[in-house]
Amino acid sequence: MASLVAVWFSGLRINDVRLGMVHVDQLDTTDVILRLLSRRRADIIFLSGASFAGFNIVDCRRLHNVLHIPMIIVSRDKPNNVSVKRALKKHFPDWKTRWRLVRELGRIHVFAPKPCEQPLYFEAVGISAANAKTVIRAYSTTSRVPEPIRVAGILAKGLALAGNELRFH
């Protein structure tokens, strides 16, 4: 199992945090995200890549169709879809389903939200690339990575270091 952290922002302030658990190399991330977002409104969804817990690939089209919320899938490094497809074919009998989820993300865009930093790579679902760039730039205040992704990553790493144990005092 691996942690999946959802962070809601109001402007640039953290408004809420929720935690879900996903299975390594399964296909339950989409359902976990839907549960995390239940009874909660969002204007946009940022994802740090389309795959969590190994090759637990998010069905971004399904999420968008169910939630009607635009999504921006951000990667620090350029996705290597040739290697991804090769790995899927080698390790998963359902590789065609997983590969379809990757392909449905559409075109990979490159964009540097901060002029002096390396670019980010992103896919946009339910939002134009131009509007996605505007949103990415607005949330990239501390670094080139949008704050919701940066904060969720920090929280997820902290949970992993703590052995996924939550203690409330």
C-alpha atoms as a PDB file:
ATOM      1  CA  MET A   1       0.000   0.000   0.000  1.00  0.00           C
ATOM      2  CA  ALA A   2       1.040   3.577  -0.618  1.00  0.00           C
ATOM      3  CA  SER A   3      -0.282   6.933   0.566  1.00  0.00           C
ATOM      4  CA  LEU A   4      -2.199   9.234  -1.740  1.00  0.00           C
ATOM      5  CA  VAL A   5      -2.499  12.762  -0.397  1.00  0.00           C
ATOM      6  CA  ALA A   6      -5.117  15.257  -1.582  1.00  0.00           C
ATOM      7  CA  VAL A   7      -4.583  18.901  -0.659  1.00  0.00           C
ATOM      8  CA  TRP A   8      -7.178  21.641  -1.207  1.00  0.00           C
ATOM      9  CA  PHE A   9      -6.044  25.200  -1.624  1.00  0.00           C
ATOM     10  CA  SER A  10      -8.011  28.408  -1.280  1.00  0.00           C
ATOM     11  CA  GLY A  11      -5.818  30.729  -3.285  1.00  0.00           C
ATOM     12  CA  LEU A  12      -2.361  29.887  -1.989  1.00  0.00           C
ATOM     13  CA  ARG A  13      -3.557  28.763   1.472  1.00  0.00           C
ATOM     14  CA  ILE A  14      -4.052  25.145   2.462  1.00  0.00           C
ATOM     15  CA  ASN A  15      -7.728  24.616   3.174  1.00  0.00           C
ATOM     16  CA  ASP A  16      -8.006  20.842   3.682  1.00  0.00           C
ATOM     17  CA  VAL A  17      -5.959  17.651   3.478  1.00  0.00           C
ATOM     18  CA  ARG A  18      -7.216  14.103   2.996  1.00  0.00           C
ATOM     19  CA  LEU A  19      -5.360  10.819   2.901  1.00  0.00           C
ATOM     20  CA  GLY A  20      -6.118   7.711   0.882  1.00  0.00           C
ATOM     21  CA  MET A  21      -4.300   4.429   0.377  1.00  0.00           C
ATOM     22  CA  VAL A  22      -3.681   2.759  -2.983  1.00  0.00           C
ATOM     23  CA  HIS A  23      -2.313  -0.664  -3.858  1.00  0.00           C
ATOM     24  CA  VAL A  24       1.012  -0.982  -5.631  1.00  0.00           C
ATOM     25  CA  ASP A  25       0.581  -1.844  -9.331  1.00  0.00           C
ATOM     26  CA  GLN A  26      -3.209  -2.195  -9.060  1.00  0.00           C
ATOM     27  CA  LEU A  27      -5.754   0.066 -10.774  1.00  0.00           C
ATOM     28  CA  ASP A  28      -7.526   1.540  -7.745  1.00  0.00           C
ATOM     29  CA  THR A  29      -6.121   5.097  -7.779  1.00  0.00           C
ATOM     30  CA  THR A  30      -9.066   6.504  -9.747  1.00  0.00           C
ATOM     31  CA  ASP A  31     -11.583   5.138  -7.240  1.00  0.00           C
ATOM     32  CA  VAL A  32      -9.519   6.402  -4.297  1.00  0.00           C
ATOM     33  CA  ILE A  33      -9.366   9.888  -5.830  1.00  0.00           C
ATOM     34  CA  LEU A  34     -13.132   9.845  -6.364  1.00  0.00           C
ATOM     35  CA  ARG A  35     -13.615   8.940  -2.671  1.00  0.00           C
ATOM     36  CA  LEU A  36     -11.202  11.670  -1.548  1.00  0.00           C
ATOM     37  CA  LEU A  37     -13.058  14.239  -3.632  1.00  0.00           C
ATOM     38  CA  SER A  38     -16.540  13.172  -2.537  1.00  0.00           C
ATOM     39  CA  ARG A  39     -18.517  15.969  -0.901  1.00  0.00           C
ATOM     40  CA  ARG A  40     -15.697  18.391  -1.706  1.00  0.00           C
ATOM     41  CA  ARG A  41     -15.651  20.953  -4.502  1.00  0.00           C
ATOM     42  CA  ALA A  42     -12.576  21.814  -6.542  1.00  0.00           C
ATOM     43  CA  ASP A  43     -12.051  24.125  -9.482  1.00  0.00           C
ATOM     44  CA  ILE A  44      -9.057  22.250 -10.870  1.00  0.00           C
ATOM     45  CA  ILE A  45      -7.239  19.012 -10.098  1.00  0.00           C
ATOM     46  CA  PHE A  46      -3.457  18.832 -10.193  1.00  0.00           C
ATOM     47  CA  LEU A  47      -1.868  15.395 -10.362  1.00  0.00           C
ATOM     48  CA  SER A  48       1.818  14.712  -9.931  1.00  0.00           C
ATOM     49  CA  GLY A  49       1.999  12.361 -12.891  1.00  0.00           C
ATOM     50  CA  ALA A  50      -0.599   9.854 -14.008  1.00  0.00           C
ATOM     51  CA  SER A  51       0.841   6.853 -12.176  1.00  0.00           C
ATOM     52  CA  PHE A  52       1.005   6.282  -8.436  1.00  0.00           C
ATOM     53  CA  ALA A  53       2.308   3.332  -6.425  1.00  0.00           C
ATOM     54  CA  GLY A  54       4.215   1.840  -9.316  1.00  0.00           C
ATOM     55  CA  PHE A  55       1.960   1.433 -12.345  1.00  0.00           C
ATOM     56  CA  ASN A  56      -1.331   2.254 -10.619  1.00  0.00           C
ATOM     57  CA  ILE A  57      -2.423   4.511 -13.460  1.00  0.00           C
ATOM     58  CA  VAL A  58      -5.183   7.089 -13.031  1.00  0.00           C
ATOM     59  CA  ASP A  59      -8.093   7.063 -15.474  1.00  0.00           C
ATOM     60  CA  CYS A  60      -8.080  10.833 -16.006  1.00  0.00           C
ATOM     61  CA  ARG A  61     -10.846  10.765 -18.632  1.00  0.00           C
ATOM     62  CA  ARG A  62     -13.141   8.924 -16.213  1.00  0.00           C
ATOM     63  CA  LEU A  63     -12.323  11.368 -13.416  1.00  0.00           C
ATOM     64  CA  HIS A  64     -13.076  14.311 -15.677  1.00  0.00           C
ATOM     65  CA  ASN A  65     -16.304  12.755 -16.973  1.00  0.00           C
ATOM     66  CA  VAL A  66     -17.549  11.981 -13.445  1.00  0.00           C
ATOM     67  CA  LEU A  67     -16.398  15.164 -11.694  1.00  0.00           C
ATOM     68  CA  HIS A  68     -16.529  17.691 -14.560  1.00  0.00           C
ATOM     69  CA  ILE A  69     -13.375  19.288 -13.178  1.00  0.00           C
ATOM     70  CA  PRO A  70     -10.401  20.189 -15.409  1.00  0.00           C
ATOM     71  CA  MET A  71      -7.200  18.301 -14.669  1.00  0.00           C
ATOM     72  CA  ILE A  72      -3.543  19.135 -15.136  1.00  0.00           C
ATOM     73  CA  ILE A  73      -1.105  16.242 -14.911  1.00  0.00           C
ATOM     74  CA  VAL A  74       2.363  17.611 -14.147  1.00  0.00           C
ATOM     75  CA  SER A  75       5.759  15.896 -14.380  1.00  0.00           C
ATOM     76  CA  ARG A  76       9.132  17.308 -13.424  1.00  0.00           C
ATOM     77  CA  ASP A  77      10.822  15.108 -16.028  1.00  0.00           C
ATOM     78  CA  LYS A  78       9.738  14.368 -19.576  1.00  0.00           C
ATOM     79  CA  PRO A  79       7.631  11.202 -19.570  1.00  0.00           C
ATOM     80  CA  ASN A  80       9.234   8.400 -21.564  1.00  0.00           C
ATOM     81  CA  ASN A  81       6.183   6.677 -22.993  1.00  0.00           C
ATOM     82  CA  VAL A  82       8.284   4.238 -25.046  1.00  0.00           C
ATOM     83  CA  SER A  83       9.805   2.851 -21.828  1.00  0.00           C
ATOM     84  CA  VAL A  84       6.425   2.915 -20.088  1.00  0.00           C
ATOM     85  CA  LYS A  85       4.805   0.863 -22.847  1.00  0.00           C
ATOM     86  CA  ARG A  86       7.706  -1.601 -22.845  1.00  0.00           C
ATOM     87  CA  ALA A  87       7.433  -2.068 -19.053  1.00  0.00           C
ATOM     88  CA  LEU A  88       3.663  -2.463 -19.205  1.00  0.00           C
ATOM     89  CA  LYS A  89       3.932  -5.135 -21.907  1.00  0.00           C
ATOM     90  CA  LYS A  90       6.583  -6.994 -19.933  1.00  0.00           C
ATOM     91  CA  HIS A  91       4.930  -6.987 -16.505  1.00  0.00           C
ATOM     92  CA  PHE A  92       1.145  -6.703 -16.868  1.00  0.00           C
ATOM     93  CA  PRO A  93      -1.329  -9.027 -18.593  1.00  0.00           C
ATOM     94  CA  ASP A  94      -3.720  -6.032 -18.761  1.00  0.00           C
ATOM     95  CA  TRP A  95      -1.066  -3.808 -20.339  1.00  0.00           C
ATOM     96  CA  LYS A  96      -3.425  -2.690 -23.131  1.00  0.00           C
ATOM     97  CA  THR A  97      -5.843  -1.203 -20.579  1.00  0.00           C
ATOM     98  CA  ARG A  98      -3.029   0.589 -18.747  1.00  0.00           C
ATOM     99  CA  TRP A  99      -1.498   1.815 -22.003  1.00  0.00           C
ATOM    100  CA  ARG A 100      -4.892   3.187 -23.103  1.00  0.00           C
ATOM    101  CA  LEU A 101      -5.031   5.243 -19.885  1.00  0.00           C
ATOM    102  CA  VAL A 102      -1.609   6.713 -20.663  1.00  0.00           C
ATOM    103  CA  ARG A 103      -2.489   7.445 -24.318  1.00  0.00           C
ATOM    104  CA  GLU A 104      -5.807   9.097 -23.394  1.00  0.00           C
ATOM    105  CA  LEU A 105      -3.898  11.839 -21.609  1.00  0.00           C
ATOM    106  CA  GLY A 106      -3.085  13.284 -24.993  1.00  0.00           C
ATOM    107  CA  ARG A 107      -0.229  15.516 -25.972  1.00  0.00           C
ATOM    108  CA  ILE A 108       2.619  16.204 -23.558  1.00  0.00           C
ATOM    109  CA  HIS A 109       3.250  19.942 -23.322  1.00  0.00           C
ATOM    110  CA  VAL A 110       6.462  21.557 -22.113  1.00  0.00           C
ATOM    111  CA  PHE A 111       6.376  24.789 -20.148  1.00  0.00           C
ATOM    112  CA  ALA A 112       8.687  26.752 -17.847  1.00  0.00           C
ATOM    113  CA  PRO A 113       6.525  28.577 -15.274  1.00  0.00           C
ATOM    114  CA  LYS A 114       9.616  30.426 -14.036  1.00  0.00           C
ATOM    115  CA  PRO A 115      11.978  31.832 -16.674  1.00  0.00           C
ATOM    116  CA  CYS A 116      15.260  30.796 -15.021  1.00  0.00           C
ATOM    117  CA  GLU A 117      14.226  27.239 -14.114  1.00  0.00           C
ATOM    118  CA  GLN A 118      13.906  23.972 -16.002  1.00  0.00           C
ATOM    119  CA  PRO A 119      10.573  23.352 -17.706  1.00  0.00           C
ATOM    120  CA  LEU A 120       7.745  21.151 -16.499  1.00  0.00           C
ATOM    121  CA  TYR A 121       5.868  18.688 -18.643  1.00  0.00           C
ATOM    122  CA  PHE A 122       2.098  18.498 -18.477  1.00  0.00           C
ATOM    123  CA  GLU A 123      -1.014  17.021 -19.984  1.00  0.00           C
ATOM    124  CA  ALA A 124      -4.353  18.796 -19.819  1.00  0.00           C
ATOM    125  CA  VAL A 125      -7.778  17.166 -19.575  1.00  0.00           C
ATOM    126  CA  GLY A 126     -10.847  19.391 -19.841  1.00  0.00           C
ATOM    127  CA  ILE A 127      -8.757  22.569 -20.089  1.00  0.00           C
ATOM    128  CA  SER A 128      -6.788  24.102 -22.935  1.00  0.00           C
ATOM    129  CA  ALA A 129      -2.989  24.019 -22.811  1.00  0.00           C
ATOM    130  CA  ALA A 130      -2.940  27.832 -22.756  1.00  0.00           C
ATOM    131  CA  ASN A 131      -5.260  28.003 -19.742  1.00  0.00           C
ATOM    132  CA  ALA A 132      -3.345  25.184 -18.037  1.00  0.00           C
ATOM    133  CA  LYS A 133      -0.131  27.219 -18.394  1.00  0.00           C
ATOM    134  CA  THR A 134      -1.830  30.200 -16.734  1.00  0.00           C
ATOM    135  CA  VAL A 135      -2.989  28.027 -13.812  1.00  0.00           C
ATOM    136  CA  ILE A 136       0.401  26.355 -13.444  1.00  0.00           C
ATOM    137  CA  ARG A 137       2.159  29.732 -13.400  1.00  0.00           C
ATOM    138  CA  ALA A 138      -0.302  31.109 -10.805  1.00  0.00           C
ATOM    139  CA  TYR A 139       0.403  28.217  -8.421  1.00  0.00           C
ATOM    140  CA  SER A 140       4.171  28.041  -9.019  1.00  0.00           C
ATOM    141  CA  THR A 141       5.173  30.542  -6.366  1.00  0.00           C
ATOM    142  CA  THR A 142       7.879  28.761  -4.360  1.00  0.00           C
ATOM    143  CA  SER A 143       9.353  26.731  -7.217  1.00  0.00           C
ATOM    144  CA  ARG A 144       8.510  25.621 -10.741  1.00  0.00           C
ATOM    145  CA  VAL A 145       6.211  22.972  -9.226  1.00  0.00           C
ATOM    146  CA  PRO A 146       2.653  24.157  -8.447  1.00  0.00           C
ATOM    147  CA  GLU A 147       2.060  24.485  -4.694  1.00  0.00           C
ATOM    148  CA  PRO A 148      -0.686  21.827  -4.446  1.00  0.00           C
ATOM    149  CA  ILE A 149       1.666  19.227  -5.954  1.00  0.00           C
ATOM    150  CA  ARG A 150       4.663  20.401  -3.942  1.00  0.00           C
ATOM    151  CA  VAL A 151       2.771  20.322  -0.623  1.00  0.00           C
ATOM    152  CA  ALA A 152       1.094  16.965  -1.323  1.00  0.00           C
ATOM    153  CA  GLY A 153       4.525  15.531  -2.167  1.00  0.00           C
ATOM    154  CA  ILE A 154       6.027  16.780   1.090  1.00  0.00           C
ATOM    155  CA  LEU A 155       3.145  15.286   3.076  1.00  0.00           C
ATOM    156  CA  ALA A 156       3.303  11.946   1.228  1.00  0.00           C
ATOM    157  CA  LYS A 157       7.068  11.687   1.806  1.00  0.00           C
ATOM    158  CA  GLY A 158       6.595  12.487   5.487  1.00  0.00           C
ATOM    159  CA  LEU A 159       3.984   9.744   5.789  1.00  0.00           C
ATOM    160  CA  ALA A 160       6.294   7.260   4.079  1.00  0.00           C
ATOM    161  CA  LEU A 161       9.130   8.150   6.467  1.00  0.00           C
ATOM    162  CA  ALA A 162       6.784   7.756   9.433  1.00  0.00           C
ATOM    163  CA  GLY A 163       5.799   4.288   8.253  1.00  0.00           C
ATOM    164  CA  ASN A 164       2.311   5.498   7.290  1.00  0.00           C
ATOM    165  CA  GLU A 165       1.370   5.774  10.964  1.00  0.00           C
ATOM    166  CA  LEU A 166      -0.789   8.729  11.834  1.00  0.00           C
ATOM    167  CA  ARG A 167      -0.763   9.826  15.449  1.00  0.00           C
ATOM    168  CA  PHE A 168      -3.066  12.503  16.741  1.00  0.00           C
ATOM    169  CA  HIS A 169      -2.362  14.240  20.033  1.00  0.00           C
END
